[in-house]
């Protein structure tokens, strides 16, 4: 794997994640109106995007050595840990915890679904 293909797959994954998270955030904002819910969804979207791009980069590096499933599993564990930590942080930030955690879990799930085809490109 070359640096160019790594950067290309990371860029493609980042853009795809941005689009998927944006669409899902739009649905959440339609379901949960109000400024506090909006803050929770936007914060969750930003957290999900950053964590998923980092987790994908780690998984992609492991996949190049034939350990794609291990990388994917490690990414899932990173997301789970982030979800638990975000539960405590969102409460201290005054965000509605139900909206914050539900949206973050949804964003993680949706972006995990688009990882496998890009791990081998």
PDB file of N, CA and C in Angstrom:
ATOM      1  N   UNK A   1       0.847  -1.176   0.000  1.00  0.00           N
ATOM      2  CA  UNK A   1       0.000   0.000   0.000  1.00  0.00           C
ATOM      3  C   UNK A   1       0.889   1.234   0.000  1.00  0.00           C
ATOM      4  N   UNK A   2       0.542   2.134  -0.857  1.00  0.00           N
ATOM      5  CA  UNK A   2       1.299   3.377  -0.932  1.00  0.00           C
ATOM      6  C   UNK A   2       0.640   4.440  -0.066  1.00  0.00           C
ATOM      7  N   UNK A   3       1.404   5.473   0.194  1.00  0.00           N
ATOM      8  CA  UNK A   3       0.867   6.587   0.972  1.00  0.00           C
ATOM      9  C   UNK A   3      -0.297   7.237   0.241  1.00  0.00           C
ATOM     10  N   UNK A   4      -0.213   7.285  -1.081  1.00  0.00           N
ATOM     11  CA  UNK A   4      -1.274   7.894  -1.891  1.00  0.00           C
ATOM     12  C   UNK A   4      -2.589   7.107  -1.764  1.00  0.00           C
ATOM     13  N   UNK A   5      -2.507   5.774  -1.786  1.00  0.00           N
ATOM     14  CA  UNK A   5      -3.743   4.991  -1.666  1.00  0.00           C
ATOM     15  C   UNK A   5      -4.314   5.090  -0.253  1.00  0.00           C
ATOM     16  N   UNK A   6      -3.411   5.182   0.761  1.00  0.00           N
ATOM     17  CA  UNK A   6      -3.874   5.356   2.133  1.00  0.00           C
ATOM     18  C   UNK A   6      -4.601   6.685   2.278  1.00  0.00           C
ATOM     19  N   UNK A   7      -4.010   7.753   1.760  1.00  0.00           N
ATOM     20  CA  UNK A   7      -4.637   9.072   1.844  1.00  0.00           C
ATOM     21  C   UNK A   7      -5.942   9.102   1.054  1.00  0.00           C
ATOM     22  N   UNK A   8      -5.952   8.435  -0.098  1.00  0.00           N
ATOM     23  CA  UNK A   8      -7.165   8.402  -0.908  1.00  0.00           C
ATOM     24  C   UNK A   8      -8.311   7.699  -0.210  1.00  0.00           C
ATOM     25  N   UNK A   9      -8.026   6.534   0.397  1.00  0.00           N
ATOM     26  CA  UNK A   9      -9.095   5.816   1.091  1.00  0.00           C
ATOM     27  C   UNK A   9      -9.541   6.567   2.342  1.00  0.00           C
ATOM     28  N   UNK A  10      -8.595   7.216   3.020  1.00  0.00           N
ATOM     29  CA  UNK A  10      -8.953   8.003   4.205  1.00  0.00           C
ATOM     30  C   UNK A  10      -9.810   9.200   3.821  1.00  0.00           C
ATOM     31  N   UNK A  11      -9.471   9.861   2.723  1.00  0.00           N
ATOM     32  CA  UNK A  11     -10.255  10.997   2.243  1.00  0.00           C
ATOM     33  C   UNK A  11     -11.648  10.544   1.819  1.00  0.00           C
ATOM     34  N   UNK A  12     -11.705   9.451   1.081  1.00  0.00           N
ATOM     35  CA  UNK A  12     -13.003   8.924   0.638  1.00  0.00           C
ATOM     36  C   UNK A  12     -13.869   8.537   1.827  1.00  0.00           C
ATOM     37  N   UNK A  13     -13.268   7.877   2.810  1.00  0.00           N
ATOM     38  CA  UNK A  13     -14.028   7.496   3.997  1.00  0.00           C
ATOM     39  C   UNK A  13     -14.505   8.731   4.766  1.00  0.00           C
ATOM     40  N   UNK A  14     -13.628   9.723   4.889  1.00  0.00           N
ATOM     41  CA  UNK A  14     -14.015  10.952   5.585  1.00  0.00           C
ATOM     42  C   UNK A  14     -15.179  11.651   4.912  1.00  0.00           C
ATOM     43  N   UNK A  15     -15.136  11.738   3.583  1.00  0.00           N
ATOM     44  CA  UNK A  15     -16.240  12.369   2.852  1.00  0.00           C
ATOM     45  C   UNK A  15     -17.530  11.559   2.963  1.00  0.00           C
ATOM     46  N   UNK A  16     -17.418  10.242   2.812  1.00  0.00           N
ATOM     47  CA  UNK A  16     -18.610   9.392   2.933  1.00  0.00           C
ATOM     48  C   UNK A  16     -19.198   9.490   4.340  1.00  0.00           C
ATOM     49  N   UNK A  17     -18.350   9.506   5.341  1.00  0.00           N
ATOM     50  CA  UNK A  17     -18.822   9.632   6.725  1.00  0.00           C
ATOM     51  C   UNK A  17     -19.489  10.978   6.952  1.00  0.00           C
ATOM     52  N   UNK A  18     -18.906  12.030   6.390  1.00  0.00           N
ATOM     53  CA  UNK A  18     -19.480  13.372   6.514  1.00  0.00           C
ATOM     54  C   UNK A  18     -20.896  13.402   5.931  1.00  0.00           C
ATOM     55  N   UNK A  19     -21.069  12.802   4.766  1.00  0.00           N
ATOM     56  CA  UNK A  19     -22.385  12.784   4.120  1.00  0.00           C
ATOM     57  C   UNK A  19     -23.379  11.953   4.933  1.00  0.00           C
ATOM     58  N   UNK A  20     -22.973  10.762   5.350  1.00  0.00           N
ATOM     59  CA  UNK A  20     -23.873   9.873   6.101  1.00  0.00           C
ATOM     60  C   UNK A  20     -24.257  10.508   7.432  1.00  0.00           C
ATOM     61  N   UNK A  21     -23.281  11.064   8.135  1.00  0.00           N
ATOM     62  CA  UNK A  21     -23.564  11.710   9.418  1.00  0.00           C
ATOM     63  C   UNK A  21     -24.448  12.932   9.210  1.00  0.00           C
ATOM     64  N   UNK A  22     -24.198  13.687   8.157  1.00  0.00           N
ATOM     65  CA  UNK A  22     -25.028  14.862   7.878  1.00  0.00           C
ATOM     66  C   UNK A  22     -26.479  14.501   7.611  1.00  0.00           C
ATOM     67  N   UNK A  23     -26.693  13.453   6.824  1.00  0.00           N
ATOM     68  CA  UNK A  23     -28.067  13.016   6.546  1.00  0.00           C
ATOM     69  C   UNK A  23     -28.759  12.515   7.804  1.00  0.00           C
ATOM     70  N   UNK A  24     -28.045  11.706   8.583  1.00  0.00           N
ATOM     71  CA  UNK A  24     -28.628  11.191   9.830  1.00  0.00           C
ATOM     72  C   UNK A  24     -28.885  12.322  10.826  1.00  0.00           C
ATOM     73  N   UNK A  25     -27.988  13.297  10.870  1.00  0.00           N
ATOM     74  CA  UNK A  25     -28.190  14.444  11.767  1.00  0.00           C
ATOM     75  C   UNK A  25     -29.438  15.214  11.368  1.00  0.00           C
ATOM     76  N   UNK A  26     -29.682  15.346  10.062  1.00  0.00           N
ATOM     77  CA  UNK A  26     -30.903  16.007   9.599  1.00  0.00           C
ATOM     78  C   UNK A  26     -32.155  15.298  10.082  1.00  0.00           C
ATOM     79  N   UNK A  27     -32.115  13.978  10.073  1.00  0.00           N
ATOM     80  CA  UNK A  27     -33.257  13.207  10.574  1.00  0.00           C
ATOM     81  C   UNK A  27     -33.434  13.440  12.072  1.00  0.00           C
ATOM     82  N   UNK A  28     -32.330  13.401  12.809  1.00  0.00           N
ATOM     83  CA  UNK A  28     -32.423  13.636  14.256  1.00  0.00           C
ATOM     84  C   UNK A  28     -32.942  15.038  14.567  1.00  0.00           C
ATOM     85  N   UNK A  29     -32.512  16.014  13.815  1.00  0.00           N
ATOM     86  CA  UNK A  29     -32.974  17.379  14.065  1.00  0.00           C
ATOM     87  C   UNK A  29     -34.452  17.542  13.744  1.00  0.00           C
ATOM     88  N   UNK A  30     -34.960  16.755  12.803  1.00  0.00           N
ATOM     89  CA  UNK A  30     -36.393  16.794  12.502  1.00  0.00           C
ATOM     90  C   UNK A  30     -37.204  16.121  13.603  1.00  0.00           C
ATOM     91  N   UNK A  31     -36.628  15.089  14.205  1.00  0.00           N
ATOM     92  CA  UNK A  31     -37.341  14.340  15.249  1.00  0.00           C
ATOM     93  C   UNK A  31     -37.267  15.058  16.594  1.00  0.00           C
ATOM     94  N   UNK A  32     -36.095  15.619  16.904  1.00  0.00           N
ATOM     95  CA  UNK A  32     -35.877  16.279  18.189  1.00  0.00           C
ATOM     96  C   UNK A  32     -35.649  17.779  17.971  1.00  0.00           C
ATOM     97  N   UNK A  33     -36.718  18.566  17.971  1.00  0.00           N
ATOM     98  CA  UNK A  33     -36.549  20.011  17.770  1.00  0.00           C
ATOM     99  C   UNK A  33     -36.048  20.682  19.054  1.00  0.00           C
ATOM    100  N   UNK A  34     -35.562  21.874  18.893  1.00  0.00           N
ATOM    101  CA  UNK A  34     -35.134  22.665  20.047  1.00  0.00           C
ATOM    102  C   UNK A  34     -33.639  22.876  20.059  1.00  0.00           C
ATOM    103  N   UNK A  35     -33.226  23.961  20.685  1.00  0.00           N
ATOM    104  CA  UNK A  35     -31.799  24.306  20.684  1.00  0.00           C
ATOM    105  C   UNK A  35     -30.923  23.328  21.461  1.00  0.00           C
ATOM    106  N   UNK A  36     -31.400  22.787  22.563  1.00  0.00           N
ATOM    107  CA  UNK A  36     -30.554  21.863  23.336  1.00  0.00           C
ATOM    108  C   UNK A  36     -30.372  20.545  22.573  1.00  0.00           C
ATOM    109  N   UNK A  37     -31.415  20.081  21.924  1.00  0.00           N
ATOM    110  CA  UNK A  37     -31.294  18.862  21.120  1.00  0.00           C
ATOM    111  C   UNK A  37     -30.383  19.109  19.919  1.00  0.00           C
ATOM    112  N   UNK A  38     -30.491  20.290  19.321  1.00  0.00           N
ATOM    113  CA  UNK A  38     -29.624  20.628  18.186  1.00  0.00           C
ATOM    114  C   UNK A  38     -28.164  20.613  18.618  1.00  0.00           C
ATOM    115  N   UNK A  39     -27.877  21.194  19.774  1.00  0.00           N
ATOM    116  CA  UNK A  39     -26.512  21.186  20.286  1.00  0.00           C
ATOM    117  C   UNK A  39     -26.006  19.767  20.526  1.00  0.00           C
ATOM    118  N   UNK A  40     -26.885  18.915  21.047  1.00  0.00           N
ATOM    119  CA  UNK A  40     -26.504  17.528  21.303  1.00  0.00           C
ATOM    120  C   UNK A  40     -26.201  16.790  20.008  1.00  0.00           C
ATOM    121  N   UNK A  41     -27.031  16.978  18.995  1.00  0.00           N
ATOM    122  CA  UNK A  41     -26.840  16.283  17.716  1.00  0.00           C
ATOM    123  C   UNK A  41     -25.583  16.787  17.015  1.00  0.00           C
ATOM    124  N   UNK A  42     -25.376  18.088  17.002  1.00  0.00           N
ATOM    125  CA  UNK A  42     -24.200  18.650  16.338  1.00  0.00           C
ATOM    126  C   UNK A  42     -22.918  18.212  17.055  1.00  0.00           C
ATOM    127  N   UNK A  43     -22.929  18.239  18.369  1.00  0.00           N
ATOM    128  CA  UNK A  43     -21.763  17.788  19.128  1.00  0.00           C
ATOM    129  C   UNK A  43     -21.488  16.312  18.872  1.00  0.00           C
ATOM    130  N   UNK A  44     -22.530  15.504  18.880  1.00  0.00           N
ATOM    131  CA  UNK A  44     -22.376  14.072  18.602  1.00  0.00           C
ATOM    132  C   UNK A  44     -21.841  13.836  17.192  1.00  0.00           C
ATOM    133  N   UNK A  45     -22.318  14.615  16.243  1.00  0.00           N
ATOM    134  CA  UNK A  45     -21.864  14.468  14.858  1.00  0.00           C
ATOM    135  C   UNK A  45     -20.378  14.777  14.739  1.00  0.00           C
ATOM    136  N   UNK A  46     -19.935  15.839  15.376  1.00  0.00           N
ATOM    137  CA  UNK A  46     -18.514  16.201  15.323  1.00  0.00           C
ATOM    138  C   UNK A  46     -17.645  15.144  15.998  1.00  0.00           C
ATOM    139  N   UNK A  47     -18.090  14.680  17.153  1.00  0.00           N
ATOM    140  CA  UNK A  47     -17.346  13.644  17.872  1.00  0.00           C
ATOM    141  C   UNK A  47     -17.277  12.372  17.029  1.00  0.00           C
ATOM    142  N   UNK A  48     -18.404  11.973  16.452  1.00  0.00           N
ATOM    143  CA  UNK A  48     -18.432  10.755  15.644  1.00  0.00           C
ATOM    144  C   UNK A  48     -17.515  10.863  14.435  1.00  0.00           C
ATOM    145  N   UNK A  49     -17.529  11.992  13.774  1.00  0.00           N
ATOM    146  CA  UNK A  49     -16.704  12.159  12.581  1.00  0.00           C
ATOM    147  C   UNK A  49     -15.212  12.059  12.916  1.00  0.00           C
ATOM    148  N   UNK A  50     -14.790  12.739  13.962  1.00  0.00           N
ATOM    149  CA  UNK A  50     -13.377  12.719  14.339  1.00  0.00           C
ATOM    150  C   UNK A  50     -12.962  11.309  14.777  1.00  0.00           C
ATOM    151  N   UNK A  51     -13.751  10.701  15.656  1.00  0.00           N
ATOM    152  CA  UNK A  51     -13.392   9.374  16.174  1.00  0.00           C
ATOM    153  C   UNK A  51     -13.385   8.341  15.052  1.00  0.00           C
ATOM    154  N   UNK A  52     -14.356   8.390  14.178  1.00  0.00           N
ATOM    155  CA  UNK A  52     -14.431   7.399  13.116  1.00  0.00           C
ATOM    156  C   UNK A  52     -13.300   7.539  12.110  1.00  0.00           C
ATOM    157  N   UNK A  53     -12.900   8.740  11.780  1.00  0.00           N
ATOM    158  CA  UNK A  53     -11.783   8.913  10.843  1.00  0.00           C
ATOM    159  C   UNK A  53     -10.489   8.385  11.470  1.00  0.00           C
ATOM    160  N   UNK A  54     -10.272   8.668  12.743  1.00  0.00           N
ATOM    161  CA  UNK A  54      -9.085   8.150  13.436  1.00  0.00           C
ATOM    162  C   UNK A  54      -9.137   6.626  13.517  1.00  0.00           C
ATOM    163  N   UNK A  55     -10.304   6.083  13.888  1.00  0.00           N
ATOM    164  CA  UNK A  55     -10.446   4.622  13.983  1.00  0.00           C
ATOM    165  C   UNK A  55     -10.268   3.967  12.614  1.00  0.00           C
ATOM    166  N   UNK A  56     -10.757   4.612  11.560  1.00  0.00           N
ATOM    167  CA  UNK A  56     -10.585   4.058  10.224  1.00  0.00           C
ATOM    168  C   UNK A  56      -9.111   4.053   9.823  1.00  0.00           C
ATOM    169  N   UNK A  57      -8.396   5.102  10.158  1.00  0.00           N
ATOM    170  CA  UNK A  57      -6.969   5.160   9.827  1.00  0.00           C
ATOM    171  C   UNK A  57      -6.220   4.015  10.506  1.00  0.00           C
ATOM    172  N   UNK A  58      -6.548   3.744  11.755  1.00  0.00           N
ATOM    173  CA  UNK A  58      -5.920   2.629  12.477  1.00  0.00           C
ATOM    174  C   UNK A  58      -6.296   1.307  11.821  1.00  0.00           C
ATOM    175  N   UNK A  59      -7.572   1.136  11.515  1.00  0.00           N
ATOM    176  CA  UNK A  59      -8.035  -0.100  10.883  1.00  0.00           C
ATOM    177  C   UNK A  59      -7.401  -0.292   9.519  1.00  0.00           C
ATOM    178  N   UNK A  60      -7.240   0.779   8.779  1.00  0.00           N
ATOM    179  CA  UNK A  60      -6.632   0.700   7.440  1.00  0.00           C
ATOM    180  C   UNK A  60      -5.181   0.271   7.534  1.00  0.00           C
ATOM    181  N   UNK A  61      -4.470   0.783   8.532  1.00  0.00           N
ATOM    182  CA  UNK A  61      -3.084   0.379   8.729  1.00  0.00           C
ATOM    183  C   UNK A  61      -2.978  -1.099   9.091  1.00  0.00           C
ATOM    184  N   UNK A  62      -3.889  -1.581   9.917  1.00  0.00           N
ATOM    185  CA  UNK A  62      -3.890  -3.000  10.262  1.00  0.00           C
ATOM    186  C   UNK A  62      -4.314  -3.865   9.077  1.00  0.00           C
ATOM    187  N   UNK A  63      -5.207  -3.351   8.254  1.00  0.00           N
ATOM    188  CA  UNK A  63      -5.685  -4.113   7.108  1.00  0.00           C
ATOM    189  C   UNK A  63      -4.589  -4.333   6.077  1.00  0.00           C
ATOM    190  N   UNK A  64      -3.667  -3.421   5.976  1.00  0.00           N
ATOM    191  CA  UNK A  64      -2.593  -3.580   4.996  1.00  0.00           C
ATOM    192  C   UNK A  64      -1.705  -4.773   5.329  1.00  0.00           C
ATOM    193  N   UNK A  65      -1.686  -5.188   6.579  1.00  0.00           N
ATOM    194  CA  UNK A  65      -0.905  -6.353   6.991  1.00  0.00           C
ATOM    195  C   UNK A  65      -1.760  -7.616   7.071  1.00  0.00           C
ATOM    196  N   UNK A  66      -2.952  -7.558   6.506  1.00  0.00           N
ATOM    197  CA  UNK A  66      -3.829  -8.725   6.521  1.00  0.00           C
ATOM    198  C   UNK A  66      -4.655  -8.878   7.781  1.00  0.00           C
ATOM    199  N   UNK A  67      -4.747  -7.845   8.582  1.00  0.00           N
ATOM    200  CA  UNK A  67      -5.500  -7.892   9.835  1.00  0.00           C
ATOM    201  C   UNK A  67      -6.690  -6.952   9.788  1.00  0.00           C
ATOM    202  N   UNK A  68      -7.441  -6.997   8.701  1.00  0.00           N
ATOM    203  CA  UNK A  68      -8.573  -6.093   8.534  1.00  0.00           C
ATOM    204  C   UNK A  68      -9.655  -6.275   9.583  1.00  0.00           C
ATOM    205  N   UNK A  69      -9.959  -7.516   9.911  1.00  0.00           N
ATOM    206  CA  UNK A  69     -10.999  -7.779  10.919  1.00  0.00           C
ATOM    207  C   UNK A  69     -10.545  -7.278  12.289  1.00  0.00           C
ATOM    208  N   UNK A  70      -9.265  -7.475  12.601  1.00  0.00           N
ATOM    209  CA  UNK A  70      -8.741  -6.971  13.875  1.00  0.00           C
ATOM    210  C   UNK A  70      -8.836  -5.448  13.922  1.00  0.00           C
ATOM    211  N   UNK A  71      -8.529  -4.808  12.811  1.00  0.00           N
ATOM    212  CA  UNK A  71      -8.634  -3.350  12.752  1.00  0.00           C
ATOM    213  C   UNK A  71     -10.058  -2.881  12.903  1.00  0.00           C
ATOM    214  N   UNK A  72     -10.973  -3.578  12.245  1.00  0.00           N
ATOM    215  CA  UNK A  72     -12.379  -3.230  12.347  1.00  0.00           C
ATOM    216  C   UNK A  72     -12.868  -3.415  13.790  1.00  0.00           C
ATOM    217  N   UNK A  73     -12.454  -4.506  14.427  1.00  0.00           N
ATOM    218  CA  UNK A  73     -12.829  -4.751  15.821  1.00  0.00           C
ATOM    219  C   UNK A  73     -12.258  -3.707  16.762  1.00  0.00           C
ATOM    220  N   UNK A  74     -11.005  -3.323  16.517  1.00  0.00           N
ATOM    221  CA  UNK A  74     -10.388  -2.277  17.336  1.00  0.00           C
ATOM    222  C   UNK A  74     -11.131  -0.955  17.170  1.00  0.00           C
ATOM    223  N   UNK A  75     -11.527  -0.655  15.939  1.00  0.00           N
ATOM    224  CA  UNK A  75     -12.317   0.551  15.702  1.00  0.00           C
ATOM    225  C   UNK A  75     -13.645   0.517  16.437  1.00  0.00           C
ATOM    226  N   UNK A  76     -14.283  -0.654  16.459  1.00  0.00           N
ATOM    227  CA  UNK A  76     -15.552  -0.791  17.183  1.00  0.00           C
ATOM    228  C   UNK A  76     -15.346  -0.595  18.684  1.00  0.00           C
ATOM    229  N   UNK A  77     -14.238  -1.096  19.210  1.00  0.00           N
ATOM    230  CA  UNK A  77     -13.961  -0.911  20.642  1.00  0.00           C
ATOM    231  C   UNK A  77     -13.677   0.565  20.961  1.00  0.00           C
ATOM    232  N   UNK A  78     -12.990   1.239  20.061  1.00  0.00           N
ATOM    233  CA  UNK A  78     -12.728   2.670  20.245  1.00  0.00           C
ATOM    234  C   UNK A  78     -14.057   3.430  20.280  1.00  0.00           C
ATOM    235  N   UNK A  79     -14.949   3.071  19.370  1.00  0.00           N
ATOM    236  CA  UNK A  79     -16.267   3.730  19.334  1.00  0.00           C
ATOM    237  C   UNK A  79     -17.068   3.463  20.597  1.00  0.00           C
ATOM    238  N   UNK A  80     -17.026   2.229  21.081  1.00  0.00           N
ATOM    239  CA  UNK A  80     -17.752   1.895  22.307  1.00  0.00           C
ATOM    240  C   UNK A  80     -17.206   2.690  23.490  1.00  0.00           C
ATOM    241  N   UNK A  81     -15.885   2.750  23.605  1.00  0.00           N
ATOM    242  CA  UNK A  81     -15.280   3.523  24.700  1.00  0.00           C
ATOM    243  C   UNK A  81     -15.654   5.000  24.584  1.00  0.00           C
ATOM    244  N   UNK A  82     -15.648   5.518  23.368  1.00  0.00           N
ATOM    245  CA  UNK A  82     -16.018   6.922  23.159  1.00  0.00           C
ATOM    246  C   UNK A  82     -17.476   7.158  23.537  1.00  0.00           C
ATOM    247  N   UNK A  83     -18.338   6.192  23.249  1.00  0.00           N
ATOM    248  CA  UNK A  83     -19.751   6.320  23.594  1.00  0.00           C
ATOM    249  C   UNK A  83     -19.942   6.378  25.110  1.00  0.00           C
ATOM    250  N   UNK A  84     -19.235   5.528  25.826  1.00  0.00           N
ATOM    251  CA  UNK A  84     -19.332   5.520  27.291  1.00  0.00           C
ATOM    252  C   UNK A  84     -18.813   6.837  27.869  1.00  0.00           C
ATOM    253  N   UNK A  85     -17.654   7.265  27.391  1.00  0.00           N
ATOM    254  CA  UNK A  85     -17.077   8.524  27.890  1.00  0.00           C
ATOM    255  C   UNK A  85     -17.976   9.701  27.540  1.00  0.00           C
ATOM    256  N   UNK A  86     -18.518   9.698  26.316  1.00  0.00           N
ATOM    257  CA  UNK A  86     -19.383  10.788  25.890  1.00  0.00           C
ATOM    258  C   UNK A  86     -20.656  10.852  26.740  1.00  0.00           C
ATOM    259  N   UNK A  87     -21.112   9.715  27.244  1.00  0.00           N
ATOM    260  CA  UNK A  87     -22.273   9.712  28.135  1.00  0.00           C
ATOM    261  C   UNK A  87     -22.044  10.573  29.363  1.00  0.00           C
ATOM    262  N   UNK A  88     -20.855  10.472  29.941  1.00  0.00           N
ATOM    263  CA  UNK A  88     -20.532  11.282  31.117  1.00  0.00           C
ATOM    264  C   UNK A  88     -20.284  12.740  30.735  1.00  0.00           C
ATOM    265  N   UNK A  89     -19.570  12.934  29.636  1.00  0.00           N
ATOM    266  CA  UNK A  89     -19.226  14.291  29.212  1.00  0.00           C
ATOM    267  C   UNK A  89     -20.474  15.068  28.793  1.00  0.00           C
ATOM    268  N   UNK A  90     -21.385  14.406  28.079  1.00  0.00           N
ATOM    269  CA  UNK A  90     -22.588  15.110  27.621  1.00  0.00           C
ATOM    270  C   UNK A  90     -23.431  15.596  28.787  1.00  0.00           C
ATOM    271  N   UNK A  91     -23.471  14.812  29.840  1.00  0.00           N
ATOM    272  CA  UNK A  91     -24.223  15.240  31.022  1.00  0.00           C
ATOM    273  C   UNK A  91     -23.574  16.453  31.661  1.00  0.00           C
ATOM    274  N   UNK A  92     -22.247  16.449  31.732  1.00  0.00           N
ATOM    275  CA  UNK A  92     -21.561  17.597  32.343  1.00  0.00           C
ATOM    276  C   UNK A  92     -21.640  18.839  31.459  1.00  0.00           C
ATOM    277  N   UNK A  93     -21.826  18.646  30.147  1.00  0.00           N
ATOM    278  CA  UNK A  93     -21.995  19.784  29.240  1.00  0.00           C
ATOM    279  C   UNK A  93     -23.424  20.315  29.225  1.00  0.00           C
ATOM    280  N   UNK A  94     -24.321  19.615  29.890  1.00  0.00           N
ATOM    281  CA  UNK A  94     -25.710  20.042  29.936  1.00  0.00           C
ATOM    282  C   UNK A  94     -26.514  19.661  28.704  1.00  0.00           C
ATOM    283  N   UNK A  95     -26.014  18.723  27.925  1.00  0.00           N
ATOM    284  CA  UNK A  95     -26.745  18.260  26.744  1.00  0.00           C
ATOM    285  C   UNK A  95     -27.777  17.223  27.153  1.00  0.00           C
ATOM    286  N   UNK A  96     -28.895  17.158  26.432  1.00  0.00           N
ATOM    287  CA  UNK A  96     -29.851  16.097  26.728  1.00  0.00           C
ATOM    288  C   UNK A  96     -29.200  14.734  26.426  1.00  0.00           C
ATOM    289  N   UNK A  97     -29.001  13.950  27.458  1.00  0.00           N
ATOM    290  CA  UNK A  97     -28.230  12.717  27.342  1.00  0.00           C
ATOM    291  C   UNK A  97     -28.851  11.721  26.374  1.00  0.00           C
ATOM    292  N   UNK A  98     -30.173  11.629  26.373  1.00  0.00           N
ATOM    293  CA  UNK A  98     -30.811  10.651  25.481  1.00  0.00           C
ATOM    294  C   UNK A  98     -30.548  10.978  24.011  1.00  0.00           C
ATOM    295  N   UNK A  99     -30.703  12.224  23.638  1.00  0.00           N
ATOM    296  CA  UNK A  99     -30.482  12.634  22.250  1.00  0.00           C
ATOM    297  C   UNK A  99     -28.993  12.509  21.903  1.00  0.00           C
ATOM    298  N   UNK A 100     -28.135  12.928  22.806  1.00  0.00           N
ATOM    299  CA  UNK A 100     -26.692  12.886  22.545  1.00  0.00           C
ATOM    300  C   UNK A 100     -26.204  11.458  22.328  1.00  0.00           C
ATOM    301  N   UNK A 101     -26.600  10.545  23.194  1.00  0.00           N
ATOM    302  CA  UNK A 101     -26.125   9.164  23.081  1.00  0.00           C
ATOM    303  C   UNK A 101     -26.778   8.415  21.927  1.00  0.00           C
ATOM    304  N   UNK A 102     -28.057   8.640  21.721  1.00  0.00           N
ATOM    305  CA  UNK A 102     -28.738   7.964  20.614  1.00  0.00           C
ATOM    306  C   UNK A 102     -28.174   8.423  19.273  1.00  0.00           C
ATOM    307  N   UNK A 103     -27.947   9.709  19.134  1.00  0.00           N
ATOM    308  CA  UNK A 103     -27.395  10.195  17.863  1.00  0.00           C
ATOM    309  C   UNK A 103     -25.961   9.719  17.671  1.00  0.00           C
ATOM    310  N   UNK A 104     -25.139   9.744  18.714  1.00  0.00           N
ATOM    311  CA  UNK A 104     -23.759   9.285  18.578  1.00  0.00           C
ATOM    312  C   UNK A 104     -23.710   7.797  18.225  1.00  0.00           C
ATOM    313  N   UNK A 105     -24.509   6.995  18.892  1.00  0.00           N
ATOM    314  CA  UNK A 105     -24.538   5.559  18.583  1.00  0.00           C
ATOM    315  C   UNK A 105     -24.997   5.316  17.143  1.00  0.00           C
ATOM    316  N   UNK A 106     -25.967   6.071  16.696  1.00  0.00           N
ATOM    317  CA  UNK A 106     -26.442   5.932  15.314  1.00  0.00           C
ATOM    318  C   UNK A 106     -25.362   6.332  14.322  1.00  0.00           C
ATOM    319  N   UNK A 107     -24.688   7.430  14.578  1.00  0.00           N
ATOM    320  CA  UNK A 107     -23.616   7.875  13.686  1.00  0.00           C
ATOM    321  C   UNK A 107     -22.486   6.848  13.626  1.00  0.00           C
ATOM    322  N   UNK A 108     -22.131   6.292  14.777  1.00  0.00           N
ATOM    323  CA  UNK A 108     -21.101   5.252  14.800  1.00  0.00           C
ATOM    324  C   UNK A 108     -21.537   4.033  13.991  1.00  0.00           C
ATOM    325  N   UNK A 109     -22.774   3.606  14.197  1.00  0.00           N
ATOM    326  CA  UNK A 109     -23.271   2.416  13.495  1.00  0.00           C
ATOM    327  C   UNK A 109     -23.266   2.624  11.987  1.00  0.00           C
ATOM    328  N   UNK A 110     -23.778   3.743  11.544  1.00  0.00           N
ATOM    329  CA  UNK A 110     -23.858   3.994  10.105  1.00  0.00           C
ATOM    330  C   UNK A 110     -22.474   4.104   9.464  1.00  0.00           C
ATOM    331  N   UNK A 111     -21.555   4.751  10.141  1.00  0.00           N
ATOM    332  CA  UNK A 111     -20.222   4.891   9.551  1.00  0.00           C
ATOM    333  C   UNK A 111     -19.425   3.591   9.638  1.00  0.00           C
ATOM    334  N   UNK A 112     -19.729   2.738  10.600  1.00  0.00           N
ATOM    335  CA  UNK A 112     -19.095   1.417  10.653  1.00  0.00           C
ATOM    336  C   UNK A 112     -19.515   0.573   9.450  1.00  0.00           C
ATOM    337  N   UNK A 113     -20.715   0.793   8.962  1.00  0.00           N
ATOM    338  CA  UNK A 113     -21.205   0.007   7.822  1.00  0.00           C
ATOM    339  C   UNK A 113     -20.469   0.324   6.523  1.00  0.00           C
ATOM    340  N   UNK A 114     -19.928   1.523   6.396  1.00  0.00           N
ATOM    341  CA  UNK A 114     -19.249   1.878   5.148  1.00  0.00           C
ATOM    342  C   UNK A 114     -17.744   1.606   5.203  1.00  0.00           C
ATOM    343  N   UNK A 115     -17.238   1.136   6.330  1.00  0.00           N
ATOM    344  CA  UNK A 115     -15.808   0.857   6.462  1.00  0.00           C
ATOM    345  C   UNK A 115     -15.314  -0.342   5.637  1.00  0.00           C
ATOM    346  N   UNK A 116     -15.939  -1.500   5.697  1.00  0.00           N
ATOM    347  CA  UNK A 116     -15.339  -2.692   5.098  1.00  0.00           C
ATOM    348  C   UNK A 116     -14.910  -2.582   3.646  1.00  0.00           C
ATOM    349  N   UNK A 117     -15.703  -2.005   2.743  1.00  0.00           N
ATOM    350  CA  UNK A 117     -15.216  -1.939   1.372  1.00  0.00           C
ATOM    351  C   UNK A 117     -13.989  -1.040   1.200  1.00  0.00           C
ATOM    352  N   UNK A 118     -13.845  -0.065   2.077  1.00  0.00           N
ATOM    353  CA  UNK A 118     -12.734   0.879   1.952  1.00  0.00           C
ATOM    354  C   UNK A 118     -11.464   0.396   2.650  1.00  0.00           C
ATOM    355  N   UNK A 119     -11.578  -0.645   3.463  1.00  0.00           N
ATOM    356  CA  UNK A 119     -10.387  -1.157   4.125  1.00  0.00           C
ATOM    357  C   UNK A 119      -9.445  -1.852   3.146  1.00  0.00           C
ATOM    358  N   UNK A 120      -9.991  -2.362   2.067  1.00  0.00           N
ATOM    359  CA  UNK A 120      -9.155  -3.125   1.133  1.00  0.00           C
ATOM    360  C   UNK A 120      -8.795  -2.352  -0.129  1.00  0.00           C
ATOM    361  N   UNK A 121      -9.268  -1.106  -0.262  1.00  0.00           N
ATOM    362  CA  UNK A 121      -8.956  -0.345  -1.481  1.00  0.00           C
ATOM    363  C   UNK A 121      -7.586   0.258  -1.438  1.00  0.00           C
TER     364      UNK A 121
END
